[in-house]
């Protein structure tokens, strides 16, 4: 980790749902322009931790710091206003609306009458900046492939100019070709200085794009490794046993 104040720091984060302790004393740091892979089994607490960072859930204990300052993220809007956005696994798109409408959902240009020309031009600029090919901006999202829906979801998050973009299983249920396109978007985001946290069960993809990998198991951080200094066997041992491979 560079000797500088992290962009994001989560200290001692805990969260309980009834009798289930979902997170216990979890620590996470994220540097400016870094890609952090967040991995673990299905009950590890990955999505819960990221929903806390995105303001969708409130922790029972712990503190979040942004650029060294303590913050309380009481809602997704507060997180977005700070510069933290999340792309959820189900995309959270309005499928009855078209591509451009989804990219600027809730932020359509114009006061009483939507300026479609301006919205289409702005949507095309966002897609071009991310290297996303989209033949039609006015096609209903419901008719898009899974890969293109994911691209629209990422474009919508990027259009809000985030400093941190969280992706929850962005390649789940996508073809290999579509998954590679999503990984290309992660590299583009990094090149533009956006910090990315990516939850992914496809460990090879995590190794392909990340700077560091953090492993959660049963709601605890059992290890964080510099990607270039570890290997898949060590990460899998942490996921399965909570300990490094010998």
Protein backbone atom coordinates (compact mmCIF):
# COMPACT_ATOMS: atom_id res chain seq x y z
CA UNK A 1 0.00 0.00 0.00
CA UNK A 2 1.49 3.38 -0.89
CA UNK A 3 2.54 5.68 1.99
CA UNK A 4 -0.39 8.04 1.59
CA UNK A 5 -3.84 8.52 3.03
CA UNK A 6 -6.19 5.87 1.59
CA UNK A 7 -9.09 7.08 -0.51
CA UNK A 8 -11.36 4.79 1.52
CA UNK A 9 -10.74 3.15 4.87
CA UNK A 10 -13.23 0.96 6.71
CA UNK A 11 -12.22 0.20 10.30
CA UNK A 12 -13.74 -2.45 12.53
CA UNK A 13 -16.97 -2.80 10.55
CA UNK A 14 -19.54 -5.13 12.14
CA UNK A 15 -23.07 -6.02 11.08
CA UNK A 16 -25.62 -8.44 12.52
CA UNK A 17 -28.90 -9.66 11.02
CA UNK A 18 -30.84 -11.21 13.88
CA UNK A 19 -28.83 -14.18 15.12
CA UNK A 20 -26.42 -14.05 12.18
CA UNK A 21 -23.17 -12.10 12.58
CA UNK A 22 -22.63 -11.09 8.95
CA UNK A 23 -19.50 -8.98 9.55
CA UNK A 24 -17.12 -8.88 12.50
CA UNK A 25 -14.38 -6.25 12.91
CA UNK A 26 -13.62 -5.99 9.17
CA UNK A 27 -10.90 -3.64 7.96
CA UNK A 28 -10.53 -2.49 4.33
CA UNK A 29 -8.38 0.12 2.61
CA UNK A 30 -8.56 1.38 -0.96
CA UNK A 31 -5.98 3.63 -2.62
CA UNK A 32 -6.73 6.21 -5.33
CA UNK A 33 -6.82 4.52 -8.73
CA UNK A 34 -6.57 1.03 -7.24
CA UNK A 35 -8.51 -2.08 -8.24
CA UNK A 36 -9.28 -4.21 -5.18
CA UNK A 37 -10.64 -7.71 -5.66
CA UNK A 38 -13.02 -8.82 -2.88
CA UNK A 39 -13.47 -12.58 -2.76
CA UNK A 40 -14.89 -15.26 -0.51
CA UNK A 41 -17.62 -17.89 -0.39
CA UNK A 42 -21.33 -17.14 -0.61
CA UNK A 43 -21.72 -16.44 3.13
CA UNK A 44 -18.54 -14.41 3.52
CA UNK A 45 -20.20 -10.99 3.84
CA UNK A 46 -18.81 -9.38 0.69
CA UNK A 47 -22.04 -7.81 -0.56
CA UNK A 48 -23.01 -6.73 2.95
CA UNK A 49 -19.70 -4.91 3.39
CA UNK A 50 -20.04 -3.17 0.04
CA UNK A 51 -23.67 -2.19 0.67
CA UNK A 52 -22.44 -0.49 3.84
CA UNK A 53 -19.83 1.42 1.84
CA UNK A 54 -22.50 2.34 -0.72
CA UNK A 55 -24.85 3.65 1.98
CA UNK A 56 -27.52 0.98 1.43
CA UNK A 57 -26.93 -0.60 4.86
CA UNK A 58 -25.79 0.87 8.17
CA UNK A 59 -23.08 -0.86 10.22
CA UNK A 60 -23.63 -1.83 13.85
CA UNK A 61 -20.08 -0.85 14.66
CA UNK A 62 -16.95 0.58 13.09
CA UNK A 63 -16.07 3.70 11.14
CA UNK A 64 -15.66 4.72 7.51
CA UNK A 65 -13.10 7.30 6.41
CA UNK A 66 -12.99 9.05 3.03
CA UNK A 67 -9.73 10.81 2.21
CA UNK A 68 -8.82 10.57 5.87
CA UNK A 69 -12.02 12.18 7.15
CA UNK A 70 -14.69 10.22 9.07
CA UNK A 71 -17.99 9.99 7.19
CA UNK A 72 -21.44 8.60 7.88
CA UNK A 73 -23.11 7.26 4.76
CA UNK A 74 -26.76 7.27 5.74
CA UNK A 75 -28.10 6.54 2.25
CA UNK A 76 -26.98 5.64 -1.28
CA UNK A 77 -27.55 9.28 -2.26
CA UNK A 78 -25.09 10.46 0.40
CA UNK A 79 -22.55 7.90 -0.84
CA UNK A 80 -23.03 9.00 -4.45
CA UNK A 81 -22.72 12.67 -3.49
CA UNK A 82 -19.39 11.80 -1.86
CA UNK A 83 -18.26 9.93 -4.98
CA UNK A 84 -19.05 6.28 -4.18
CA UNK A 85 -21.27 4.33 -6.60
CA UNK A 86 -22.25 0.67 -6.76
CA UNK A 87 -23.30 -1.52 -9.68
CA UNK A 88 -25.48 -4.30 -8.30
CA UNK A 89 -25.54 -7.87 -9.53
CA UNK A 90 -29.13 -7.52 -10.81
CA UNK A 91 -28.15 -4.32 -12.73
CA UNK A 92 -31.08 -2.35 -11.17
CA UNK A 93 -32.08 -0.99 -14.58
CA UNK A 94 -35.47 0.32 -15.69
CA UNK A 95 -36.06 -2.25 -18.41
CA UNK A 96 -39.05 -0.43 -19.93
CA UNK A 97 -36.80 2.56 -20.67
CA UNK A 98 -34.11 2.87 -23.31
CA UNK A 99 -30.32 2.97 -23.00
CA UNK A 100 -29.87 6.74 -22.77
CA UNK A 101 -32.77 7.10 -20.32
CA UNK A 102 -31.18 4.51 -18.04
CA UNK A 103 -27.73 6.09 -18.14
CA UNK A 104 -29.18 9.38 -16.90
CA UNK A 105 -32.05 7.96 -14.86
CA UNK A 106 -33.19 10.65 -12.44
CA UNK A 107 -30.89 13.21 -14.06
CA UNK A 108 -32.51 13.76 -17.47
CA UNK A 109 -31.50 17.08 -19.08
CA UNK A 110 -34.23 19.70 -19.28
CA UNK A 111 -36.67 21.13 -16.79
CA UNK A 112 -40.23 20.38 -17.88
CA UNK A 113 -39.43 18.81 -21.25
CA UNK A 114 -36.61 16.29 -21.57
CA UNK A 115 -33.97 17.35 -24.08
CA UNK A 116 -33.53 14.03 -25.90
CA UNK A 117 -30.87 15.32 -28.23
CA UNK A 118 -28.74 16.48 -25.31
CA UNK A 119 -29.34 13.25 -23.41
CA UNK A 120 -28.44 11.07 -26.38
CA UNK A 121 -25.26 13.07 -27.03
CA UNK A 122 -24.22 12.86 -23.37
CA UNK A 123 -24.99 9.13 -23.23
CA UNK A 124 -22.96 8.49 -26.38
CA UNK A 125 -20.04 10.45 -24.90
CA UNK A 126 -20.11 8.32 -21.73
CA UNK A 127 -20.26 5.08 -23.71
CA UNK A 128 -17.43 6.17 -26.02
CA UNK A 129 -15.28 7.16 -23.06
CA UNK A 130 -15.66 3.66 -21.62
CA UNK A 131 -15.13 1.99 -25.00
CA UNK A 132 -18.66 0.54 -25.01
CA UNK A 133 -20.26 -0.25 -28.36
CA UNK A 134 -24.00 0.36 -28.30
CA UNK A 135 -25.73 0.39 -31.73
CA UNK A 136 -28.85 2.19 -30.53
CA UNK A 137 -29.36 4.55 -27.59
CA UNK A 138 -33.13 4.27 -27.92
CA UNK A 139 -33.43 0.50 -27.70
CA UNK A 140 -35.37 -0.67 -24.62
CA UNK A 141 -33.00 -2.17 -22.07
CA UNK A 142 -35.27 -5.22 -21.81
CA UNK A 143 -34.15 -6.24 -25.31
CA UNK A 144 -30.41 -6.06 -24.57
CA UNK A 145 -28.13 -9.02 -23.89
CA UNK A 146 -26.81 -9.56 -20.38
CA UNK A 147 -23.43 -8.14 -21.36
CA UNK A 148 -24.94 -4.96 -22.76
CA UNK A 149 -27.18 -4.55 -19.72
CA UNK A 150 -24.07 -4.73 -17.54
CA UNK A 151 -22.40 -2.16 -19.77
CA UNK A 152 -25.36 0.22 -19.36
CA UNK A 153 -25.29 -0.25 -15.58
CA UNK A 154 -21.57 0.58 -15.49
CA UNK A 155 -22.08 3.56 -17.80
CA UNK A 156 -24.85 4.88 -15.57
CA UNK A 157 -22.59 4.68 -12.51
CA UNK A 158 -19.68 6.28 -14.39
CA UNK A 159 -21.87 9.12 -15.68
CA UNK A 160 -22.14 10.38 -12.09
CA UNK A 161 -18.32 10.87 -12.01
CA UNK A 162 -17.56 8.53 -9.09
CA UNK A 163 -14.21 8.32 -7.36
CA UNK A 164 -15.03 4.79 -6.20
CA UNK A 165 -17.01 2.26 -8.23
CA UNK A 166 -18.13 -0.98 -6.59
CA UNK A 167 -19.06 -3.90 -8.85
CA UNK A 168 -20.94 -6.86 -7.36
CA UNK A 169 -20.34 -9.97 -9.50
CA UNK A 170 -20.25 -8.00 -12.77
CA UNK A 171 -19.55 -11.06 -14.92
CA UNK A 172 -22.00 -13.49 -13.32
CA UNK A 173 -24.10 -15.27 -15.95
CA UNK A 174 -22.22 -13.57 -18.80
CA UNK A 175 -20.51 -15.33 -21.69
CA UNK A 176 -16.73 -15.40 -21.72
CA UNK A 177 -16.63 -12.75 -24.44
CA UNK A 178 -19.01 -10.44 -22.54
CA UNK A 179 -17.05 -11.01 -19.33
CA UNK A 180 -13.83 -9.98 -21.05
CA UNK A 181 -15.50 -6.79 -22.22
CA UNK A 182 -16.50 -6.00 -18.64
CA UNK A 183 -12.92 -6.61 -17.48
CA UNK A 184 -11.80 -4.22 -20.20
CA UNK A 185 -14.10 -1.59 -18.70
CA UNK A 186 -12.46 -2.14 -15.31
CA UNK A 187 -9.06 -1.42 -16.86
CA UNK A 188 -10.46 1.69 -18.52
CA UNK A 189 -11.88 2.93 -15.22
CA UNK A 190 -8.53 2.37 -13.53
CA UNK A 191 -6.74 4.24 -16.31
CA UNK A 192 -9.08 7.17 -15.71
CA UNK A 193 -8.18 7.24 -12.03
CA UNK A 194 -11.36 5.63 -10.70
CA UNK A 195 -10.83 3.25 -7.77
CA UNK A 196 -12.71 -0.03 -8.28
CA UNK A 197 -13.77 -2.72 -5.82
CA UNK A 198 -14.84 -5.85 -7.66
CA UNK A 199 -16.63 -8.79 -6.04
CA UNK A 200 -16.09 -11.83 -8.21
CA UNK A 201 -16.21 -15.60 -7.88
CA UNK A 202 -14.14 -15.95 -11.04
CA UNK A 203 -10.72 -15.82 -9.39
CA UNK A 204 -8.84 -15.73 -12.69
CA UNK A 205 -10.61 -12.49 -13.60
CA UNK A 206 -9.71 -10.99 -10.23
CA UNK A 207 -6.05 -11.81 -10.80
CA UNK A 208 -6.28 -10.35 -14.29
CA UNK A 209 -7.39 -6.84 -13.24
CA UNK A 210 -6.69 -6.29 -9.53
CA UNK A 211 -3.82 -4.65 -7.67
CA UNK A 212 -4.69 -6.34 -4.37
CA UNK A 213 -7.05 -9.12 -3.28
CA UNK A 214 -8.93 -9.18 0.02
CA UNK A 215 -10.49 -12.41 1.28
CA UNK A 216 -13.51 -12.56 3.58
CA UNK A 217 -14.59 -15.72 5.39
CA UNK A 218 -17.54 -15.92 7.79
CA UNK A 219 -17.65 -12.15 7.98
CA UNK A 220 -13.99 -11.66 8.82
CA UNK A 221 -11.02 -10.46 6.81
CA UNK A 222 -8.71 -13.48 6.71
CA UNK A 223 -6.09 -11.99 4.41
CA UNK A 224 -5.19 -9.26 1.96
CA UNK A 225 -2.52 -9.86 -0.66
CA UNK A 226 -0.77 -7.85 -3.36
CA UNK A 227 -1.92 -9.60 -6.52
CA UNK A 228 1.53 -9.69 -8.13
CA UNK A 229 2.97 -11.31 -4.98
CA UNK A 230 0.44 -14.12 -4.51
CA UNK A 231 -1.06 -16.98 -6.51
CA UNK A 232 -4.42 -18.66 -6.97
CA UNK A 233 -3.60 -21.57 -4.63
CA UNK A 234 -2.95 -19.18 -1.74
CA UNK A 235 -6.14 -17.22 -2.35
CA UNK A 236 -8.21 -20.41 -2.65
CA UNK A 237 -6.74 -21.70 0.63
CA UNK A 238 -7.79 -18.49 2.34
CA UNK A 239 -11.28 -18.79 0.88
CA UNK A 240 -11.69 -22.44 1.83
CA UNK A 241 -9.77 -22.73 5.10
CA UNK A 242 -9.09 -19.17 6.22
CA UNK A 243 -5.38 -19.80 6.09
CA UNK A 244 -2.62 -19.46 3.53
CA UNK A 245 -1.43 -22.43 1.49
CA UNK A 246 1.81 -23.92 2.73
